[in-house]
Amino acid sequence: MIYLDSAATTLQKPPSVRRAMLSAMERMASPGRGGHKPAMLAAETAFRCREAAAGLFHLEDPENVVFTLNATHALNLAIKSVIKPGDAVVVSGYEHNAVTRPLAALGCRIKTARAPLFDREAILAAFEEQVTGEVSCVVCTHVSNVFGFILPVEEIAALCRRRGVPMILDASQSAGALPVHMDELGCAFIGMPGHKGLYGPQGTGLLLCGEGRETVPLLEGGTGSLSARQEMPDFLPDRLEAGTHNIPGIAGLLEGIRFVRSRGNEAILRRERALTRQAAEGLAAVPGITLYAASRSETQAGVLSFQLASLDCEEVGERLGQRGIAVRAGLHCAPYAHESAGTKEKGTVRISFSDFNTPAEVQTLVREVSRLAG
């Protein structure tokens, strides 16, 4: 199979990820739940994963790295720690439901900074207009999961700092491929999955917490610390990590992060962009295609969407799957993005790359799409 759905989850992982998970299942117990060797080994692995993440994302204190189930879990923790019911919140016009549904559940007044696709200047101007004195928080994606549009988050974060508004960053599509510097951005929180660009297993995620930020648990329960109290600990990471950890997942995530740090963000992004450019150039020649590609490579990561005039997007996705090519079709849990790009009625077919894809796979994709269009 040619797997081109890494914006959902990376399927190909470094071999070290599988080995680490199997080893953890055989050798590790629960961290903080005993002084015996299996528990201590689990605790050491968890801390090493926090250290590796802190190094990659530039956090001074590894204890401010919180393990979550996925990016949605991380973003819910962040949103419900900063935002109160009814607050005015600014989001981009390219947000995922992992952001917008929690805000809707809180009854927030959502102000949307909308701008044309791939127009970084326009979206920054939209944020400048929307971030007013009534706004309690800005929540923004780094990269659109539908179109690969890289938003100017450094400038948006600087705007938030100037106006004294906390910012939550959704790094679901950027972590591992783009630089994400917690210390430079000054975000209140950054949420991300472990199973996409960090090449860890499903069921893992990270919440990076700004220094001194108040946090609100979603779950209460055992932490292995302060067990005599009936309140959750008031320190990180224990405050947000109730219950038994996914130690096999964390062990795998550690190896995924090590792979990213060894390869380097720049090399991974360079490969993904080269494949995206190759796909865009090849697909542009297909009759009846509408392609959503940036004119400047620096505004697009390794995600590319298209439509065929002759077939529904879901049918294109199904037929490619029958030919051994895995893509995703539809709205991609991101109706805001489709509204901004004018594609909500039909959706798009999305192809998304990882560091394990090849130019030969792109050639096959272009050939099969051409056959479908013919």
Protein backbone atom coordinates (compact mmCIF):
# COMPACT_ATOMS: atom_id res chain seq x y z
CA MET A 1 0.00 0.00 0.00
CA ILE A 2 1.04 3.59 -0.69
CA TYR A 3 0.11 5.45 2.48
CA LEU A 4 -0.64 9.16 1.96
CA ASP A 5 -2.75 9.91 5.04
CA SER A 6 -0.14 11.00 7.56
CA ALA A 7 -2.14 14.10 8.52
CA ALA A 8 -4.48 11.61 10.23
CA THR A 9 -1.73 9.40 11.63
CA THR A 10 1.67 8.30 10.42
CA LEU A 11 1.52 4.59 9.60
CA GLN A 12 5.20 3.98 8.95
CA LYS A 13 7.19 4.40 12.16
CA PRO A 14 10.89 4.10 12.94
CA PRO A 15 11.59 0.44 13.89
CA SER A 16 12.80 1.63 17.30
CA VAL A 17 9.23 2.68 18.18
CA ARG A 18 7.90 -0.88 17.92
CA ARG A 19 10.89 -2.32 19.78
CA ALA A 20 10.49 0.17 22.62
CA MET A 21 6.79 -0.58 23.00
CA LEU A 22 7.35 -4.35 23.11
CA SER A 23 10.15 -3.91 25.65
CA ALA A 24 7.93 -1.72 27.84
CA MET A 25 5.16 -4.31 27.80
CA GLU A 26 7.61 -6.94 28.99
CA ARG A 27 9.67 -4.94 31.50
CA MET A 28 7.78 -1.89 32.79
CA ALA A 29 4.99 -1.38 35.32
CA SER A 30 3.36 1.91 36.41
CA PRO A 31 5.49 4.96 37.26
CA GLY A 32 5.01 6.36 40.76
CA ARG A 33 3.25 3.21 41.96
CA GLY A 34 6.15 1.38 43.58
CA GLY A 35 9.84 1.31 44.39
CA HIS A 36 10.49 -1.94 42.55
CA LYS A 37 12.51 -2.16 39.35
CA PRO A 38 9.62 -2.38 36.82
CA ALA A 39 7.99 0.73 38.31
CA MET A 40 11.27 2.63 38.51
CA LEU A 41 12.11 1.74 34.91
CA ALA A 42 8.71 3.05 33.82
CA ALA A 43 9.26 6.28 35.75
CA GLU A 44 12.67 6.73 34.16
CA THR A 45 11.24 6.19 30.66
CA ALA A 46 8.44 8.68 31.27
CA PHE A 47 10.86 11.32 32.50
CA ARG A 48 13.20 10.75 29.57
CA CYS A 49 10.25 11.29 27.22
CA ARG A 50 9.41 14.55 28.99
CA GLU A 51 13.05 15.62 28.72
CA ALA A 52 13.20 14.79 25.01
CA ALA A 53 9.98 16.72 24.33
CA ALA A 54 11.17 19.68 26.40
CA GLY A 55 14.38 19.75 24.38
CA LEU A 56 12.60 19.55 21.03
CA PHE A 57 10.03 22.22 21.88
CA HIS A 58 12.24 24.45 24.04
CA LEU A 59 10.70 24.17 27.50
CA GLU A 60 12.96 24.84 30.46
CA ASP A 61 11.16 22.43 32.81
CA PRO A 62 10.35 18.87 31.61
CA GLU A 63 7.69 18.66 34.34
CA ASN A 64 5.63 21.10 32.24
CA VAL A 65 5.26 18.37 29.60
CA VAL A 66 1.99 16.53 30.27
CA PHE A 67 1.10 13.20 28.68
CA THR A 68 -2.34 13.04 27.06
CA LEU A 69 -4.32 10.56 24.97
CA ASN A 70 -4.09 12.69 21.81
CA ALA A 71 -4.17 16.31 20.65
CA THR A 72 -7.91 16.60 21.33
CA HIS A 73 -7.35 15.67 24.97
CA ALA A 74 -4.48 18.15 25.21
CA LEU A 75 -6.49 20.99 23.65
CA ASN A 76 -9.48 20.31 25.89
CA LEU A 77 -7.22 20.57 28.94
CA ALA A 78 -5.76 23.83 27.66
CA ILE A 79 -9.07 25.40 26.66
CA LYS A 80 -10.81 24.52 29.91
CA SER A 81 -7.86 25.80 31.93
CA VAL A 82 -7.88 29.26 30.31
CA ILE A 83 -11.39 29.88 28.99
CA LYS A 84 -14.60 30.25 30.98
CA PRO A 85 -18.15 29.70 29.75
CA GLY A 86 -19.35 32.62 27.64
CA ASP A 87 -15.89 34.12 27.04
CA ALA A 88 -15.04 35.85 23.77
CA VAL A 89 -12.39 33.81 21.97
CA VAL A 90 -10.61 34.41 18.66
CA VAL A 91 -9.79 31.47 16.39
CA SER A 92 -8.46 31.25 12.85
CA GLY A 93 -10.65 30.31 9.95
CA TYR A 94 -8.77 27.01 9.63
CA GLU A 95 -9.47 25.35 12.97
CA HIS A 96 -10.20 21.68 13.58
CA ASN A 97 -13.22 20.49 15.56
CA ALA A 98 -10.78 19.61 18.36
CA VAL A 99 -10.73 23.37 19.00
CA THR A 100 -14.15 24.57 17.94
CA ARG A 101 -16.29 21.91 19.60
CA PRO A 102 -14.89 22.48 23.11
CA LEU A 103 -15.41 26.22 22.62
CA ALA A 104 -18.99 25.63 21.48
CA ALA A 105 -19.61 23.38 24.47
CA LEU A 106 -18.50 26.23 26.75
CA GLY A 107 -20.92 28.60 25.03
CA CYS A 108 -18.07 30.86 23.96
CA ARG A 109 -18.56 33.81 21.66
CA ILE A 110 -16.28 32.72 18.84
CA LYS A 111 -14.72 35.47 16.73
CA THR A 112 -13.17 34.05 13.58
CA ALA A 113 -10.13 35.55 11.88
CA ARG A 114 -10.92 34.56 8.30
CA ALA A 115 -8.68 35.09 5.29
CA PRO A 116 -8.13 33.59 1.83
CA LEU A 117 -6.18 30.35 1.62
CA PHE A 118 -2.38 30.72 1.84
CA ASP A 119 -2.59 34.48 2.49
CA ARG A 120 -0.48 34.93 5.61
CA GLU A 121 -0.63 38.73 5.52
CA ALA A 122 -4.43 38.74 5.33
CA ILE A 123 -4.88 36.31 8.19
CA LEU A 124 -2.51 38.30 10.39
CA ALA A 125 -4.52 41.44 9.61
CA ALA A 126 -7.70 39.55 10.49
CA PHE A 127 -6.27 38.59 13.88
CA GLU A 128 -5.21 42.20 14.50
CA GLU A 129 -8.80 43.26 13.86
CA GLN A 130 -10.45 40.55 15.97
CA VAL A 131 -8.16 40.54 19.04
CA THR A 132 -9.83 43.36 20.99
CA GLY A 133 -10.08 44.18 24.68
CA GLU A 134 -13.04 41.85 25.26
CA VAL A 135 -11.14 38.77 24.09
CA SER A 136 -9.99 36.36 26.80
CA CYS A 137 -7.95 33.97 24.65
CA VAL A 138 -6.72 33.21 21.13
CA VAL A 139 -6.72 29.60 19.94
CA CYS A 140 -4.92 28.99 16.67
CA THR A 141 -3.72 26.10 14.55
CA HIS A 142 -0.15 26.16 13.31
CA VAL A 143 -0.89 24.27 10.07
CA SER A 144 -4.26 23.54 8.45
CA ASN A 145 -4.93 19.82 8.48
CA VAL A 146 -6.87 20.18 5.19
CA PHE A 147 -4.62 22.37 3.07
CA GLY A 148 -1.21 22.44 4.76
CA PHE A 149 -1.49 26.24 5.09
CA ILE A 150 1.20 27.40 7.54
CA LEU A 151 -0.25 30.24 9.58
CA PRO A 152 2.05 33.06 10.80
CA VAL A 153 1.89 31.89 14.40
CA GLU A 154 5.05 33.71 15.44
CA GLU A 155 3.47 37.02 14.46
CA ILE A 156 0.10 36.06 15.94
CA ALA A 157 1.81 35.09 19.21
CA ALA A 158 3.66 38.42 19.26
CA LEU A 159 0.33 40.22 18.74
CA CYS A 160 -1.15 38.32 21.68
CA ARG A 161 1.80 39.21 23.90
CA ARG A 162 1.48 42.89 23.00
CA ARG A 163 -2.24 42.90 23.83
CA GLY A 164 -1.95 40.75 26.93
CA VAL A 165 -4.11 37.91 25.59
CA PRO A 166 -3.11 34.29 26.27
CA MET A 167 -2.67 32.05 23.25
CA ILE A 168 -3.23 28.31 22.84
CA LEU A 169 -1.50 26.72 19.86
CA ASP A 170 -2.70 23.58 18.09
CA ALA A 171 0.51 22.01 16.77
CA SER A 172 -1.17 18.84 15.50
CA GLN A 173 0.16 19.21 11.96
CA SER A 174 3.41 21.03 12.71
CA ALA A 175 5.06 19.18 15.61
CA GLY A 176 7.99 17.24 14.20
CA ALA A 177 8.22 19.06 10.87
CA LEU A 178 8.20 22.75 11.78
CA PRO A 179 10.05 24.53 14.59
CA VAL A 180 7.80 24.95 17.64
CA HIS A 181 9.57 27.05 20.28
CA MET A 182 7.59 27.39 23.49
CA ASP A 183 10.03 29.90 24.92
CA GLU A 184 9.89 32.19 21.87
CA LEU A 185 6.14 31.93 21.27
CA GLY A 186 5.23 32.51 24.90
CA CYS A 187 2.02 30.50 24.52
CA ALA A 188 -0.09 29.59 27.50
CA PHE A 189 -0.35 26.03 26.16
CA ILE A 190 0.62 24.03 23.09
CA GLY A 191 -1.20 20.79 22.32
CA MET A 192 -0.15 18.05 19.90
CA PRO A 193 -0.57 14.37 19.10
CA GLY A 194 2.19 11.83 19.45
CA HIS A 195 1.02 9.71 16.52
CA LYS A 196 1.50 12.11 13.62
CA GLY A 197 4.70 14.07 12.99
CA LEU A 198 6.36 12.76 16.15
CA TYR A 199 6.07 9.19 14.81
CA GLY A 200 4.79 7.75 18.09
CA PRO A 201 1.89 5.32 18.52
CA GLN A 202 -1.81 6.13 18.56
CA GLY A 203 -3.18 6.98 21.98
CA THR A 204 -0.36 9.39 22.81
CA GLY A 205 -0.23 13.18 22.92
CA LEU A 206 1.47 16.07 24.69
CA LEU A 207 0.36 19.27 26.37
CA LEU A 208 3.13 21.83 26.81
CA CYS A 209 2.27 24.14 29.69
CA GLY A 210 3.57 27.66 30.05
CA GLU A 211 5.46 28.39 33.24
CA GLY A 212 3.16 29.24 36.13
CA ARG A 213 -0.06 28.68 34.18
CA GLU A 214 -3.12 27.64 36.16
CA THR A 215 -4.44 24.28 35.03
CA VAL A 216 -7.82 22.59 35.45
CA PRO A 217 -7.96 18.77 35.44
CA LEU A 218 -10.47 16.98 33.24
CA LEU A 219 -10.10 13.83 35.36
CA GLU A 220 -9.50 13.28 39.05
CA GLY A 221 -7.97 10.15 40.49
CA GLY A 222 -4.77 8.46 41.54
CA THR A 223 -1.43 10.01 40.72
CA GLY A 224 0.93 8.16 43.03
CA SER A 225 1.58 11.44 44.87
CA LEU A 226 -0.09 13.15 47.85
CA SER A 227 -2.33 10.11 48.24
CA ALA A 228 -3.70 11.20 51.63
CA ARG A 229 -5.42 14.21 50.05
CA GLN A 230 -8.74 14.14 48.25
CA GLU A 231 -7.80 16.99 45.93
CA MET A 232 -5.64 16.61 42.86
CA PRO A 233 -2.02 17.72 43.39
CA ASP A 234 -1.38 21.38 42.63
CA PHE A 235 1.81 20.72 40.67
CA LEU A 236 2.59 19.46 37.18
CA PRO A 237 2.52 16.99 35.63
CA ASP A 238 0.59 15.10 38.34
CA ARG A 239 -2.30 17.58 38.38
CA LEU A 240 -3.31 16.64 34.83
CA GLU A 241 -2.28 12.97 34.74
CA ALA A 242 -4.82 11.01 36.79
CA GLY A 243 -4.71 7.24 36.48
CA THR A 244 -2.31 4.73 35.02
CA HIS A 245 -0.01 5.96 32.27
CA ASN A 246 0.21 4.45 28.80
CA ILE A 247 3.82 3.41 29.36
CA PRO A 248 4.18 1.32 26.18
CA GLY A 249 2.87 4.33 24.24
CA ILE A 250 5.17 6.73 26.07
CA ALA A 251 8.16 4.45 25.42
CA GLY A 252 7.26 4.43 21.72
CA LEU A 253 6.74 8.19 21.70
CA LEU A 254 10.19 8.70 23.24
CA GLU A 255 11.73 6.83 20.32
CA GLY A 256 9.63 8.79 17.85
CA ILE A 257 10.86 12.07 19.32
CA ARG A 258 14.43 10.78 19.25
CA PHE A 259 13.98 9.97 15.57
CA VAL A 260 12.72 13.50 14.86
CA ARG A 261 15.57 15.09 16.79
CA SER A 262 18.09 12.89 14.98
CA ARG A 263 16.64 13.60 11.51
CA GLY A 264 16.00 17.27 12.24
CA ASN A 265 12.89 19.37 11.56
CA GLU A 266 14.52 20.94 8.53
CA ALA A 267 15.26 17.63 6.78
CA ILE A 268 11.77 16.25 7.44
CA LEU A 269 10.06 19.42 6.20
CA ARG A 270 12.33 19.59 3.15
CA ARG A 271 11.34 16.05 2.13
CA GLU A 272 7.62 16.65 2.71
CA ARG A 273 7.70 19.91 0.75
CA ALA A 274 9.55 18.30 -2.14
CA LEU A 275 6.94 15.55 -2.35
CA THR A 276 4.11 18.09 -2.09
CA ARG A 277 5.62 20.16 -4.90
CA GLN A 278 6.08 17.05 -7.05
CA ALA A 279 2.47 16.01 -6.45
CA ALA A 280 1.15 19.51 -7.20
CA GLU A 281 3.10 19.76 -10.44
CA GLY A 282 1.97 16.32 -11.56
CA LEU A 283 -1.68 16.72 -10.60
CA ALA A 284 -1.89 20.18 -12.19
CA ALA A 285 -1.81 18.51 -15.60
CA VAL A 286 -4.82 16.25 -14.86
CA PRO A 287 -7.97 17.34 -16.76
CA GLY A 288 -10.80 18.62 -14.60
CA ILE A 289 -8.76 18.94 -11.41
CA THR A 290 -8.95 21.78 -8.90
CA LEU A 291 -5.77 21.92 -6.89
CA TYR A 292 -5.25 23.76 -3.60
CA ALA A 293 -1.54 24.46 -3.71
CA ALA A 294 0.38 27.49 -2.50
CA SER A 295 2.34 29.58 -4.97
CA ARG A 296 5.10 29.94 -2.37
CA SER A 297 6.45 26.75 -0.80
CA GLU A 298 7.12 28.45 2.52
CA THR A 299 3.38 28.83 3.15
CA GLN A 300 2.53 25.11 2.77
CA ALA A 301 3.59 22.02 4.68
CA GLY A 302 3.27 18.38 3.54
CA VAL A 303 -0.50 18.41 2.94
CA LEU A 304 -2.24 18.91 -0.41
CA SER A 305 -5.96 18.90 -1.28
CA PHE A 306 -7.70 18.55 -4.63
CA GLN A 307 -11.07 17.93 -6.28
CA LEU A 308 -12.01 16.18 -9.53
CA ALA A 309 -14.87 17.65 -11.55
CA SER A 310 -16.03 14.21 -12.71
CA LEU A 311 -16.22 12.41 -9.33
CA ASP A 312 -17.28 13.09 -5.76
CA CYS A 313 -14.36 13.34 -3.36
CA GLU A 314 -15.48 10.32 -1.36
CA GLU A 315 -15.62 8.25 -4.54
CA VAL A 316 -12.13 9.37 -5.50
CA GLY A 317 -10.86 8.34 -2.08
CA GLU A 318 -12.59 4.97 -2.30
CA ARG A 319 -11.30 4.22 -5.78
CA LEU A 320 -7.76 5.18 -4.87
CA GLY A 321 -8.03 2.92 -1.83
CA GLN A 322 -9.05 0.04 -4.11
CA ARG A 323 -5.89 0.74 -6.09
CA GLY A 324 -3.74 0.54 -2.96
CA ILE A 325 -3.38 4.27 -2.29
CA ALA A 326 -4.55 5.54 1.10
CA VAL A 327 -5.84 9.13 1.13
CA ARG A 328 -8.65 10.88 3.00
CA ALA A 329 -11.72 12.51 1.49
CA GLY A 330 -14.47 14.73 2.89
CA LEU A 331 -14.40 17.57 5.42
CA HIS A 332 -11.56 16.19 7.57
CA CYS A 333 -13.22 17.28 10.86
CA ALA A 334 -12.49 20.88 9.87
CA PRO A 335 -15.59 22.67 8.53
CA TYR A 336 -14.08 26.07 9.39
CA ALA A 337 -11.21 25.41 6.98
CA HIS A 338 -13.55 24.38 4.19
CA GLU A 339 -15.71 27.46 4.77
CA SER A 340 -12.63 29.66 4.49
CA ALA A 341 -11.49 27.98 1.27
CA GLY A 342 -14.97 27.69 -0.27
CA THR A 343 -14.89 23.88 -0.36
CA LYS A 344 -17.44 23.00 2.32
CA GLU A 345 -20.11 21.85 -0.13
CA LYS A 346 -17.94 19.21 -1.82
CA GLY A 347 -15.03 18.70 0.57
CA THR A 348 -11.64 17.70 -0.83
CA VAL A 349 -9.41 14.72 -1.39
CA ARG A 350 -6.40 15.14 0.87
CA ILE A 351 -2.96 13.66 0.42
CA SER A 352 -0.45 14.08 3.21
CA PHE A 353 3.15 13.00 3.45
CA SER A 354 5.60 11.76 6.05
CA ASP A 355 9.35 11.30 6.08
CA PHE A 356 8.85 7.74 4.80
CA ASN A 357 7.17 8.57 1.48
CA THR A 358 9.05 8.54 -1.85
CA PRO A 359 8.94 10.25 -5.25
CA ALA A 360 8.00 6.92 -6.84
CA GLU A 361 4.87 6.79 -4.70
CA VAL A 362 3.92 10.28 -5.86
CA GLN A 363 4.34 9.22 -9.48
CA THR A 364 1.96 6.32 -8.89
CA LEU A 365 -0.58 8.63 -7.24
CA VAL A 366 -0.51 11.05 -10.18
CA ARG A 367 -0.91 8.22 -12.66
CA GLU A 368 -3.92 6.75 -10.83
CA VAL A 369 -5.64 10.11 -10.40
CA SER A 370 -5.13 10.75 -14.12
CA ARG A 371 -6.82 7.42 -14.88
CA LEU A 372 -9.75 8.31 -12.66
CA ALA A 373 -10.14 11.67 -14.36
CA GLY A 374 -9.96 10.14 -17.84
